[in-house]
Amino acid sequence: MNSKKIITAALLISGLALGSASAAFADTTPAPTTTPVTTTPAPTKTPSPAQLAYRAALAQYKIDVTNYRVALVNNDISYRAAMQKYWADWTNTNTAYWSAWTTTIGAYRTAEAAYDAQLAPIRATHKSAHDAADAAFLAATTGSPTTDQLDAALKAFHTASAAADSAYKAAVT
């Protein structure tokens, strides 16, 4: 415990001694003078030809960058105007095309419906003739027919089918 007191006292004394020493140094510094200091202007240098060329190139570069930025804006405006015109023209052309197509397809569908209406009874007659030939063949081949009966049924079926097809082609023509 005594050693702690001794160390604390030594530190306190050394701190006081150092503080008074720095105060003594501060007192010996001279006060600033108020006499005006005259400065001579620096001699002006004339720029070298390389510096003049650099300055001219830099000025031209700044002008070129500004012109480039202006050209970008002009191109953007022109592009948007061209695209608006393109889409307006495309819409008009497309509308005219689809209008003509709708008219043409309407006329085609009307003609097709009329053709189908004329052909419907002929198709119905052709189908009924084939159905009759099918029914006759099935009736002739049920049970246990002989080979001669099967040959006769096949010949009758092919004759009836050929007659139905001939009548259909003649009616369509």
N, C-alpha and C. Protein backbone atom coordinates (compact mmCIF):
# COMPACT_ATOMS: atom_id res chain seq x y z
N MET A 1 0.80 -1.17 0.00
CA MET A 1 0.00 0.00 0.00
C MET A 1 0.86 1.25 0.00
N ASN A 2 1.94 1.19 0.68
CA ASN A 2 2.86 2.32 0.69
C ASN A 2 3.44 2.57 -0.69
N SER A 3 3.69 1.51 -1.38
CA SER A 3 4.27 1.68 -2.72
C SER A 3 3.29 2.37 -3.67
N LYS A 4 2.02 2.12 -3.48
CA LYS A 4 1.00 2.77 -4.33
C LYS A 4 0.95 4.26 -4.05
N LYS A 5 1.08 4.62 -2.81
CA LYS A 5 1.06 6.04 -2.44
C LYS A 5 2.29 6.74 -2.99
N ILE A 6 3.41 6.03 -2.96
CA ILE A 6 4.66 6.63 -3.43
C ILE A 6 4.57 6.84 -4.96
N ILE A 7 4.06 5.88 -5.66
CA ILE A 7 3.95 5.98 -7.11
C ILE A 7 2.98 7.09 -7.49
N THR A 8 1.87 7.21 -6.78
CA THR A 8 0.88 8.25 -7.06
C THR A 8 1.47 9.62 -6.82
N ALA A 9 2.21 9.77 -5.73
CA ALA A 9 2.83 11.06 -5.42
C ALA A 9 3.87 11.41 -6.46
N ALA A 10 4.65 10.42 -6.93
CA ALA A 10 5.68 10.68 -7.92
C ALA A 10 5.05 11.13 -9.24
N LEU A 11 3.99 10.49 -9.61
CA LEU A 11 3.30 10.88 -10.85
C LEU A 11 2.71 12.28 -10.75
N LEU A 12 2.16 12.61 -9.62
CA LEU A 12 1.59 13.92 -9.40
C LEU A 12 2.66 15.00 -9.49
N ILE A 13 3.79 14.76 -8.88
CA ILE A 13 4.88 15.73 -8.88
C ILE A 13 5.43 15.89 -10.29
N SER A 14 5.64 14.76 -11.00
CA SER A 14 6.19 14.87 -12.36
C SER A 14 5.22 15.59 -13.28
N GLY A 15 3.93 15.39 -13.10
CA GLY A 15 2.94 16.08 -13.93
C GLY A 15 2.96 17.57 -13.67
N LEU A 16 3.11 17.96 -12.42
CA LEU A 16 3.17 19.39 -12.11
C LEU A 16 4.44 20.01 -12.67
N ALA A 17 5.52 19.28 -12.61
CA ALA A 17 6.79 19.80 -13.10
C ALA A 17 6.73 19.98 -14.63
N LEU A 18 6.16 19.05 -15.29
CA LEU A 18 6.07 19.15 -16.75
C LEU A 18 5.14 20.29 -17.17
N GLY A 19 4.05 20.46 -16.48
CA GLY A 19 3.10 21.52 -16.79
C GLY A 19 3.72 22.88 -16.61
N SER A 20 4.53 23.08 -15.57
CA SER A 20 5.16 24.38 -15.35
C SER A 20 6.26 24.61 -16.37
N ALA A 21 6.89 23.52 -16.84
CA ALA A 21 7.95 23.68 -17.83
C ALA A 21 7.36 24.13 -19.17
N SER A 22 6.23 23.56 -19.56
CA SER A 22 5.61 23.97 -20.81
C SER A 22 5.06 25.37 -20.71
N ALA A 23 4.64 25.79 -19.51
CA ALA A 23 4.18 27.17 -19.33
C ALA A 23 5.36 28.11 -19.46
N ALA A 24 6.52 27.68 -19.00
CA ALA A 24 7.70 28.52 -19.12
C ALA A 24 8.10 28.67 -20.58
N PHE A 25 7.97 27.61 -21.36
CA PHE A 25 8.28 27.72 -22.78
C PHE A 25 7.32 28.64 -23.49
N ALA A 26 6.05 28.65 -23.11
CA ALA A 26 5.06 29.49 -23.76
C ALA A 26 5.34 30.96 -23.50
N ASP A 27 5.88 31.26 -22.40
CA ASP A 27 6.14 32.66 -22.07
C ASP A 27 7.29 33.22 -22.89
N THR A 28 8.19 32.43 -23.37
CA THR A 28 9.37 32.94 -24.07
C THR A 28 9.15 33.16 -25.56
N THR A 29 8.00 32.81 -26.08
CA THR A 29 7.75 33.01 -27.52
C THR A 29 7.46 34.47 -27.79
N PRO A 30 8.00 35.04 -28.85
CA PRO A 30 7.79 36.46 -29.14
C PRO A 30 6.37 36.71 -29.67
N ALA A 31 5.90 37.86 -29.44
CA ALA A 31 4.58 38.27 -29.92
C ALA A 31 4.66 38.55 -31.41
N PRO A 32 3.54 38.32 -32.15
CA PRO A 32 3.57 38.56 -33.59
C PRO A 32 3.70 40.05 -33.91
N THR A 33 4.35 40.33 -34.99
CA THR A 33 4.52 41.72 -35.42
C THR A 33 3.38 42.10 -36.34
N THR A 34 3.07 43.36 -36.37
CA THR A 34 1.98 43.85 -37.21
C THR A 34 2.48 44.65 -38.40
N THR A 35 3.69 44.53 -38.72
CA THR A 35 4.21 45.26 -39.86
C THR A 35 3.73 44.60 -41.15
N PRO A 36 3.28 45.37 -42.11
CA PRO A 36 2.78 44.77 -43.35
C PRO A 36 3.92 44.15 -44.16
N VAL A 37 3.59 43.02 -44.73
CA VAL A 37 4.55 42.32 -45.58
C VAL A 37 4.20 42.67 -47.02
N THR A 38 5.15 43.10 -47.75
CA THR A 38 4.90 43.45 -49.15
C THR A 38 5.22 42.23 -50.01
N THR A 39 4.27 41.92 -50.87
CA THR A 39 4.49 40.80 -51.78
C THR A 39 4.65 41.33 -53.18
N THR A 40 5.53 40.80 -53.85
CA THR A 40 5.72 41.20 -55.23
C THR A 40 4.90 40.26 -56.11
N PRO A 41 4.20 40.79 -57.09
CA PRO A 41 3.40 39.92 -57.94
C PRO A 41 4.31 38.98 -58.73
N ALA A 42 3.80 37.76 -58.88
CA ALA A 42 4.56 36.77 -59.63
C ALA A 42 4.63 37.21 -61.08
N PRO A 43 5.74 37.02 -61.68
CA PRO A 43 5.83 37.42 -63.08
C PRO A 43 4.90 36.55 -63.92
N THR A 44 4.18 37.17 -64.82
CA THR A 44 3.26 36.43 -65.68
C THR A 44 4.06 35.74 -66.76
N LYS A 45 3.72 34.47 -66.91
CA LYS A 45 4.41 33.69 -67.93
C LYS A 45 3.53 33.66 -69.17
N THR A 46 4.10 33.76 -70.28
CA THR A 46 3.36 33.56 -71.51
C THR A 46 3.30 32.06 -71.77
N PRO A 47 2.09 31.56 -72.09
CA PRO A 47 1.98 30.12 -72.29
C PRO A 47 2.80 29.68 -73.51
N SER A 48 3.27 28.46 -73.39
CA SER A 48 4.06 27.89 -74.48
C SER A 48 3.13 27.49 -75.62
N PRO A 49 3.68 27.27 -76.80
CA PRO A 49 2.83 26.85 -77.93
C PRO A 49 2.11 25.53 -77.64
N ALA A 50 2.74 24.65 -76.90
CA ALA A 50 2.10 23.37 -76.56
C ALA A 50 0.90 23.61 -75.66
N GLN A 51 1.06 24.54 -74.68
CA GLN A 51 -0.07 24.85 -73.79
C GLN A 51 -1.21 25.51 -74.57
N LEU A 52 -0.87 26.39 -75.49
CA LEU A 52 -1.91 27.03 -76.31
C LEU A 52 -2.63 26.00 -77.18
N ALA A 53 -1.89 25.07 -77.73
CA ALA A 53 -2.51 24.03 -78.56
C ALA A 53 -3.42 23.14 -77.70
N TYR A 54 -2.98 22.83 -76.49
CA TYR A 54 -3.79 22.01 -75.58
C TYR A 54 -5.08 22.74 -75.22
N ARG A 55 -4.95 24.03 -74.91
CA ARG A 55 -6.14 24.81 -74.54
C ARG A 55 -7.12 24.88 -75.72
N ALA A 56 -6.61 25.05 -76.91
CA ALA A 56 -7.46 25.10 -78.10
C ALA A 56 -8.14 23.75 -78.33
N ALA A 57 -7.37 22.66 -78.15
CA ALA A 57 -7.95 21.32 -78.33
C ALA A 57 -9.01 21.04 -77.28
N LEU A 58 -8.75 21.49 -76.04
CA LEU A 58 -9.73 21.29 -74.96
C LEU A 58 -11.00 22.07 -75.23
N ALA A 59 -10.87 23.29 -75.71
CA ALA A 59 -12.05 24.10 -76.04
C ALA A 59 -12.85 23.45 -77.17
N GLN A 60 -12.14 22.95 -78.20
CA GLN A 60 -12.82 22.28 -79.30
C GLN A 60 -13.50 21.01 -78.83
N TYR A 61 -12.86 20.27 -77.93
CA TYR A 61 -13.44 19.05 -77.37
C TYR A 61 -14.75 19.36 -76.64
N LYS A 62 -14.74 20.43 -75.84
CA LYS A 62 -15.96 20.81 -75.12
C LYS A 62 -17.09 21.16 -76.10
N ILE A 63 -16.74 21.84 -77.18
CA ILE A 63 -17.73 22.18 -78.20
C ILE A 63 -18.26 20.91 -78.86
N ASP A 64 -17.34 19.99 -79.18
CA ASP A 64 -17.75 18.73 -79.83
C ASP A 64 -18.63 17.89 -78.93
N VAL A 65 -18.32 17.83 -77.63
CA VAL A 65 -19.16 17.07 -76.69
C VAL A 65 -20.55 17.67 -76.62
N THR A 66 -20.63 18.99 -76.58
CA THR A 66 -21.94 19.66 -76.55
C THR A 66 -22.72 19.37 -77.83
N ASN A 67 -22.05 19.45 -78.97
CA ASN A 67 -22.71 19.15 -80.26
C ASN A 67 -23.18 17.70 -80.31
N TYR A 68 -22.39 16.79 -79.76
CA TYR A 68 -22.77 15.37 -79.73
C TYR A 68 -24.02 15.17 -78.87
N ARG A 69 -24.05 15.80 -77.72
CA ARG A 69 -25.22 15.66 -76.85
C ARG A 69 -26.47 16.24 -77.51
N VAL A 70 -26.31 17.35 -78.22
CA VAL A 70 -27.44 17.95 -78.95
C VAL A 70 -27.90 16.99 -80.06
N ALA A 71 -26.94 16.37 -80.75
CA ALA A 71 -27.29 15.42 -81.82
C ALA A 71 -28.03 14.21 -81.25
N LEU A 72 -27.63 13.75 -80.07
CA LEU A 72 -28.34 12.63 -79.44
C LEU A 72 -29.81 12.97 -79.18
N VAL A 73 -30.03 14.15 -78.65
CA VAL A 73 -31.42 14.57 -78.36
C VAL A 73 -32.20 14.72 -79.67
N ASN A 74 -31.58 15.32 -80.70
CA ASN A 74 -32.26 15.47 -81.99
C ASN A 74 -32.60 14.11 -82.60
N ASN A 75 -31.66 13.17 -82.52
CA ASN A 75 -31.92 11.82 -83.04
C ASN A 75 -33.03 11.14 -82.28
N ASP A 76 -33.07 11.30 -80.97
CA ASP A 76 -34.13 10.70 -80.17
C ASP A 76 -35.49 11.25 -80.56
N ILE A 77 -35.56 12.54 -80.75
CA ILE A 77 -36.83 13.17 -81.15
C ILE A 77 -37.24 12.68 -82.55
N SER A 78 -36.28 12.63 -83.48
CA SER A 78 -36.59 12.17 -84.84
C SER A 78 -37.02 10.71 -84.84
N TYR A 79 -36.38 9.89 -84.03
CA TYR A 79 -36.73 8.46 -83.95
C TYR A 79 -38.16 8.29 -83.43
N ARG A 80 -38.49 9.00 -82.36
CA ARG A 80 -39.85 8.89 -81.82
C ARG A 80 -40.89 9.35 -82.84
N ALA A 81 -40.60 10.42 -83.58
CA ALA A 81 -41.54 10.90 -84.61
C ALA A 81 -41.69 9.86 -85.73
N ALA A 82 -40.57 9.27 -86.14
CA ALA A 82 -40.62 8.25 -87.20
C ALA A 82 -41.41 7.03 -86.73
N MET A 83 -41.22 6.62 -85.49
CA MET A 83 -41.95 5.46 -84.97
C MET A 83 -43.44 5.75 -84.86
N GLN A 84 -43.80 6.95 -84.45
CA GLN A 84 -45.22 7.30 -84.39
C GLN A 84 -45.84 7.25 -85.79
N LYS A 85 -45.13 7.79 -86.79
CA LYS A 85 -45.64 7.74 -88.16
C LYS A 85 -45.74 6.30 -88.65
N TYR A 86 -44.72 5.50 -88.35
CA TYR A 86 -44.73 4.09 -88.77
C TYR A 86 -45.94 3.37 -88.19
N TRP A 87 -46.18 3.52 -86.89
CA TRP A 87 -47.29 2.81 -86.27
C TRP A 87 -48.64 3.33 -86.77
N ALA A 88 -48.73 4.62 -87.05
CA ALA A 88 -49.99 5.15 -87.61
C ALA A 88 -50.22 4.56 -89.00
N ASP A 89 -49.17 4.54 -89.83
CA ASP A 89 -49.30 3.95 -91.17
C ASP A 89 -49.63 2.47 -91.09
N TRP A 90 -48.96 1.76 -90.18
CA TRP A 90 -49.20 0.32 -90.01
C TRP A 90 -50.65 0.06 -89.60
N THR A 91 -51.15 0.84 -88.67
CA THR A 91 -52.52 0.68 -88.21
C THR A 91 -53.50 0.93 -89.34
N ASN A 92 -53.27 1.99 -90.12
CA ASN A 92 -54.17 2.28 -91.25
C ASN A 92 -54.14 1.17 -92.30
N THR A 93 -52.93 0.71 -92.64
CA THR A 93 -52.79 -0.36 -93.63
C THR A 93 -53.44 -1.64 -93.12
N ASN A 94 -53.18 -1.95 -91.87
CA ASN A 94 -53.74 -3.16 -91.28
C ASN A 94 -55.27 -3.11 -91.24
N THR A 95 -55.81 -1.97 -90.89
CA THR A 95 -57.26 -1.81 -90.85
C THR A 95 -57.86 -2.00 -92.24
N ALA A 96 -57.23 -1.39 -93.24
CA ALA A 96 -57.73 -1.53 -94.62
C ALA A 96 -57.63 -2.99 -95.07
N TYR A 97 -56.52 -3.65 -94.74
CA TYR A 97 -56.34 -5.05 -95.13
C TYR A 97 -57.40 -5.93 -94.49
N TRP A 98 -57.59 -5.78 -93.19
CA TRP A 98 -58.56 -6.64 -92.49
C TRP A 98 -59.99 -6.33 -92.93
N SER A 99 -60.26 -5.09 -93.27
CA SER A 99 -61.58 -4.74 -93.80
C SER A 99 -61.83 -5.46 -95.12
N ALA A 100 -60.84 -5.42 -96.01
CA ALA A 100 -60.98 -6.12 -97.30
C ALA A 100 -61.07 -7.63 -97.09
N TRP A 101 -60.28 -8.14 -96.17
CA TRP A 101 -60.29 -9.58 -95.90
C TRP A 101 -61.65 -10.01 -95.34
N THR A 102 -62.19 -9.22 -94.42
CA THR A 102 -63.50 -9.54 -93.84
C THR A 102 -64.57 -9.57 -94.92
N THR A 103 -64.54 -8.60 -95.83
CA THR A 103 -65.51 -8.56 -96.93
C THR A 103 -65.35 -9.79 -97.81
N THR A 104 -64.11 -10.12 -98.16
CA THR A 104 -63.85 -11.26 -99.04
C THR A 104 -64.24 -12.57 -98.38
N ILE A 105 -63.86 -12.74 -97.13
CA ILE A 105 -64.17 -14.01 -96.44
C ILE A 105 -65.68 -14.12 -96.20
N GLY A 106 -66.33 -12.98 -96.01
CA GLY A 106 -67.80 -13.01 -95.87
C GLY A 106 -68.46 -13.50 -97.15
N ALA A 107 -67.99 -13.00 -98.29
CA ALA A 107 -68.53 -13.43 -99.59
C ALA A 107 -68.24 -14.91 -99.81
N TYR A 108 -67.03 -15.35 -99.45
CA TYR A 108 -66.68 -16.76 -99.61
C TYR A 108 -67.58 -17.65 -98.74
N ARG A 109 -67.78 -17.25 -97.51
CA ARG A 109 -68.60 -18.07 -96.60
C ARG A 109 -70.06 -18.13 -97.08
N THR A 110 -70.54 -17.02 -97.63
CA THR A 110 -71.90 -17.02 -98.18
C THR A 110 -71.99 -17.99 -99.36
N ALA A 111 -71.01 -17.95 -100.25
CA ALA A 111 -71.01 -18.86 -101.42
C ALA A 111 -70.84 -20.31 -100.97
N GLU A 112 -70.02 -20.53 -99.97
CA GLU A 112 -69.81 -21.90 -99.47
C GLU A 112 -71.10 -22.44 -98.83
N ALA A 113 -71.79 -21.59 -98.09
CA ALA A 113 -73.05 -22.02 -97.47
C ALA A 113 -74.09 -22.36 -98.55
N ALA A 114 -74.14 -21.55 -99.63
CA ALA A 114 -75.07 -21.84 -100.72
C ALA A 114 -74.70 -23.15 -101.41
N TYR A 115 -73.41 -23.39 -101.62
CA TYR A 115 -72.95 -24.63 -102.24
C TYR A 115 -73.30 -25.83 -101.37
N ASP A 116 -73.02 -25.70 -100.05
CA ASP A 116 -73.35 -26.80 -99.13
C ASP A 116 -74.86 -27.06 -99.09
N ALA A 117 -75.66 -26.00 -99.18
CA ALA A 117 -77.12 -26.17 -99.18
C ALA A 117 -77.58 -26.92 -100.43
N GLN A 118 -76.95 -26.66 -101.59
CA GLN A 118 -77.30 -27.37 -102.82
C GLN A 118 -76.80 -28.81 -102.78
N LEU A 119 -75.67 -29.02 -102.15
CA LEU A 119 -75.06 -30.35 -102.14
C LEU A 119 -75.64 -31.26 -101.05
N ALA A 120 -76.28 -30.70 -100.03
CA ALA A 120 -76.78 -31.49 -98.90
C ALA A 120 -77.74 -32.60 -99.32
N PRO A 121 -78.77 -32.36 -100.16
CA PRO A 121 -79.66 -33.46 -100.53
C PRO A 121 -78.95 -34.54 -101.37
N ILE A 122 -77.98 -34.10 -102.18
CA ILE A 122 -77.25 -35.08 -102.99
C ILE A 122 -76.41 -35.97 -102.08
N ARG A 123 -75.76 -35.37 -101.05
CA ARG A 123 -74.97 -36.15 -100.10
C ARG A 123 -75.86 -37.09 -99.29
N ALA A 124 -77.03 -36.61 -98.92
CA ALA A 124 -77.95 -37.45 -98.15
C ALA A 124 -78.38 -38.66 -98.98
N THR A 125 -78.69 -38.45 -100.27
CA THR A 125 -79.08 -39.56 -101.17
C THR A 125 -77.91 -40.54 -101.32
N HIS A 126 -76.70 -40.03 -101.47
CA HIS A 126 -75.51 -40.87 -101.61
C HIS A 126 -75.29 -41.70 -100.34
N LYS A 127 -75.45 -41.07 -99.19
CA LYS A 127 -75.26 -41.78 -97.92
C LYS A 127 -76.32 -42.86 -97.74
N SER A 128 -77.57 -42.57 -98.09
CA SER A 128 -78.63 -43.58 -97.92
C SER A 128 -78.42 -44.76 -98.87
N ALA A 129 -77.89 -44.50 -100.08
CA ALA A 129 -77.59 -45.59 -101.01
C ALA A 129 -76.49 -46.48 -100.46
N HIS A 130 -75.46 -45.87 -99.89
CA HIS A 130 -74.38 -46.66 -99.27
C HIS A 130 -74.88 -47.41 -98.03
N ASP A 131 -75.72 -46.78 -97.25
CA ASP A 131 -76.27 -47.45 -96.07
C ASP A 131 -77.10 -48.67 -96.47
N ALA A 132 -77.87 -48.54 -97.58
CA ALA A 132 -78.68 -49.68 -98.07
C ALA A 132 -77.76 -50.81 -98.54
N ALA A 133 -76.67 -50.48 -99.23
CA ALA A 133 -75.72 -51.50 -99.69
C ALA A 133 -75.07 -52.18 -98.49
N ASP A 134 -74.73 -51.41 -97.46
CA ASP A 134 -74.13 -51.97 -96.24
C ASP A 134 -75.09 -52.92 -95.55
N ALA A 135 -76.35 -52.49 -95.43
CA ALA A 135 -77.35 -53.32 -94.75
C ALA A 135 -77.59 -54.62 -95.53
N ALA A 136 -77.66 -54.54 -96.86
CA ALA A 136 -77.87 -55.74 -97.69
C ALA A 136 -76.69 -56.70 -97.54
N PHE A 137 -75.46 -56.18 -97.50
CA PHE A 137 -74.29 -57.04 -97.35
C PHE A 137 -74.28 -57.72 -95.98
N LEU A 138 -74.58 -56.97 -94.94
CA LEU A 138 -74.60 -57.55 -93.59
C LEU A 138 -75.68 -58.61 -93.46
N ALA A 139 -76.85 -58.38 -94.08
CA ALA A 139 -77.93 -59.36 -94.03
C ALA A 139 -77.54 -60.63 -94.78
N ALA A 140 -76.84 -60.49 -95.89
CA ALA A 140 -76.46 -61.65 -96.70
C ALA A 140 -75.34 -62.46 -96.05
N THR A 141 -74.53 -61.83 -95.18
CA THR A 141 -73.39 -62.54 -94.59
C THR A 141 -73.63 -62.99 -93.17
N THR A 142 -74.82 -62.80 -92.63
CA THR A 142 -75.08 -63.29 -91.27
C THR A 142 -75.38 -64.78 -91.31
N GLY A 143 -75.08 -65.40 -90.20
CA GLY A 143 -75.32 -66.84 -90.14
C GLY A 143 -74.11 -67.57 -90.70
N SER A 144 -74.37 -68.68 -91.38
CA SER A 144 -73.29 -69.50 -91.97
C SER A 144 -73.49 -69.59 -93.46
N PRO A 145 -73.15 -68.51 -94.20
CA PRO A 145 -73.36 -68.55 -95.65
C PRO A 145 -72.29 -69.40 -96.33
N THR A 146 -72.62 -69.87 -97.47
CA THR A 146 -71.67 -70.65 -98.27
C THR A 146 -70.75 -69.69 -98.99
N THR A 147 -69.74 -70.24 -99.58
CA THR A 147 -68.78 -69.42 -100.32
C THR A 147 -69.47 -68.75 -101.50
N ASP A 148 -70.34 -69.45 -102.16
CA ASP A 148 -71.06 -68.85 -103.29
C ASP A 148 -71.93 -67.69 -102.83
N GLN A 149 -72.58 -67.86 -101.65
CA GLN A 149 -73.41 -66.78 -101.14
C GLN A 149 -72.55 -65.56 -100.77
N LEU A 150 -71.37 -65.82 -100.19
CA LEU A 150 -70.46 -64.70 -99.84
C LEU A 150 -69.97 -63.99 -101.10
N ASP A 151 -69.61 -64.75 -102.15
CA ASP A 151 -69.18 -64.13 -103.40
C ASP A 151 -70.29 -63.28 -104.00
N ALA A 152 -71.54 -63.81 -103.95
CA ALA A 152 -72.68 -63.06 -104.49
C ALA A 152 -72.92 -61.79 -103.67
N ALA A 153 -72.76 -61.86 -102.32
CA ALA A 153 -72.97 -60.70 -101.46
C ALA A 153 -71.91 -59.63 -101.75
N LEU A 154 -70.65 -60.06 -101.94
CA LEU A 154 -69.59 -59.12 -102.26
C LEU A 154 -69.84 -58.45 -103.61
N LYS A 155 -70.28 -59.26 -104.62
CA LYS A 155 -70.52 -58.70 -105.94
C LYS A 155 -71.68 -57.71 -105.87
N ALA A 156 -72.72 -58.03 -105.13
CA ALA A 156 -73.88 -57.14 -105.00
C ALA A 156 -73.49 -55.85 -104.26
N PHE A 157 -72.64 -55.99 -103.23
CA PHE A 157 -72.19 -54.81 -102.47
C PHE A 157 -71.38 -53.88 -103.35
N HIS A 158 -70.44 -54.41 -104.10
CA HIS A 158 -69.60 -53.57 -104.97
C HIS A 158 -70.42 -52.94 -106.08
N THR A 159 -71.41 -53.68 -106.63
CA THR A 159 -72.26 -53.13 -107.68
C THR A 159 -73.11 -51.98 -107.12
N ALA A 160 -73.68 -52.16 -105.92
CA ALA A 160 -74.52 -51.12 -105.30
C ALA A 160 -73.68 -49.90 -104.95
N SER A 161 -72.46 -50.10 -104.43
CA SER A 161 -71.58 -48.98 -104.08
C SER A 161 -71.17 -48.20 -105.33
N ALA A 162 -70.84 -48.92 -106.40
CA ALA A 162 -70.45 -48.26 -107.65
C ALA A 162 -71.62 -47.48 -108.22
N ALA A 163 -72.83 -48.02 -108.13
CA ALA A 163 -74.01 -47.31 -108.64
C ALA A 163 -74.27 -46.06 -107.81
N ALA A 164 -74.10 -46.14 -106.47
CA ALA A 164 -74.31 -44.97 -105.61
C ALA A 164 -73.28 -43.89 -105.92
N ASP A 165 -72.02 -44.30 -106.14
CA ASP A 165 -70.97 -43.32 -106.46
C ASP A 165 -71.20 -42.68 -107.82
N SER A 166 -71.62 -43.46 -108.81
CA SER A 166 -71.91 -42.91 -110.15
C SER A 166 -73.05 -41.92 -110.09
N ALA A 167 -74.10 -42.25 -109.34
CA ALA A 167 -75.27 -41.37 -109.23
C ALA A 167 -74.84 -40.07 -108.53
N TYR A 168 -74.00 -40.17 -107.51
CA TYR A 168 -73.52 -38.99 -106.79
C TYR A 168 -72.71 -38.08 -107.70
N LYS A 169 -71.78 -38.67 -108.45
CA LYS A 169 -70.92 -37.85 -109.36
C LYS A 169 -71.77 -37.18 -110.43
N ALA A 170 -72.76 -37.91 -110.94
CA ALA A 170 -73.63 -37.32 -111.97
C ALA A 170 -74.44 -36.18 -111.40
N ALA A 171 -74.92 -36.35 -110.16
CA ALA A 171 -75.73 -35.29 -109.54
C ALA A 171 -74.88 -34.05 -109.24
N VAL A 172 -73.66 -34.26 -108.80
CA VAL A 172 -72.79 -33.10 -108.51
C VAL A 172 -72.44 -32.38 -109.78
N THR A 173 -72.17 -33.12 -110.85
CA THR A 173 -71.82 -32.49 -112.12
C THR A 173 -73.00 -31.71 -112.65
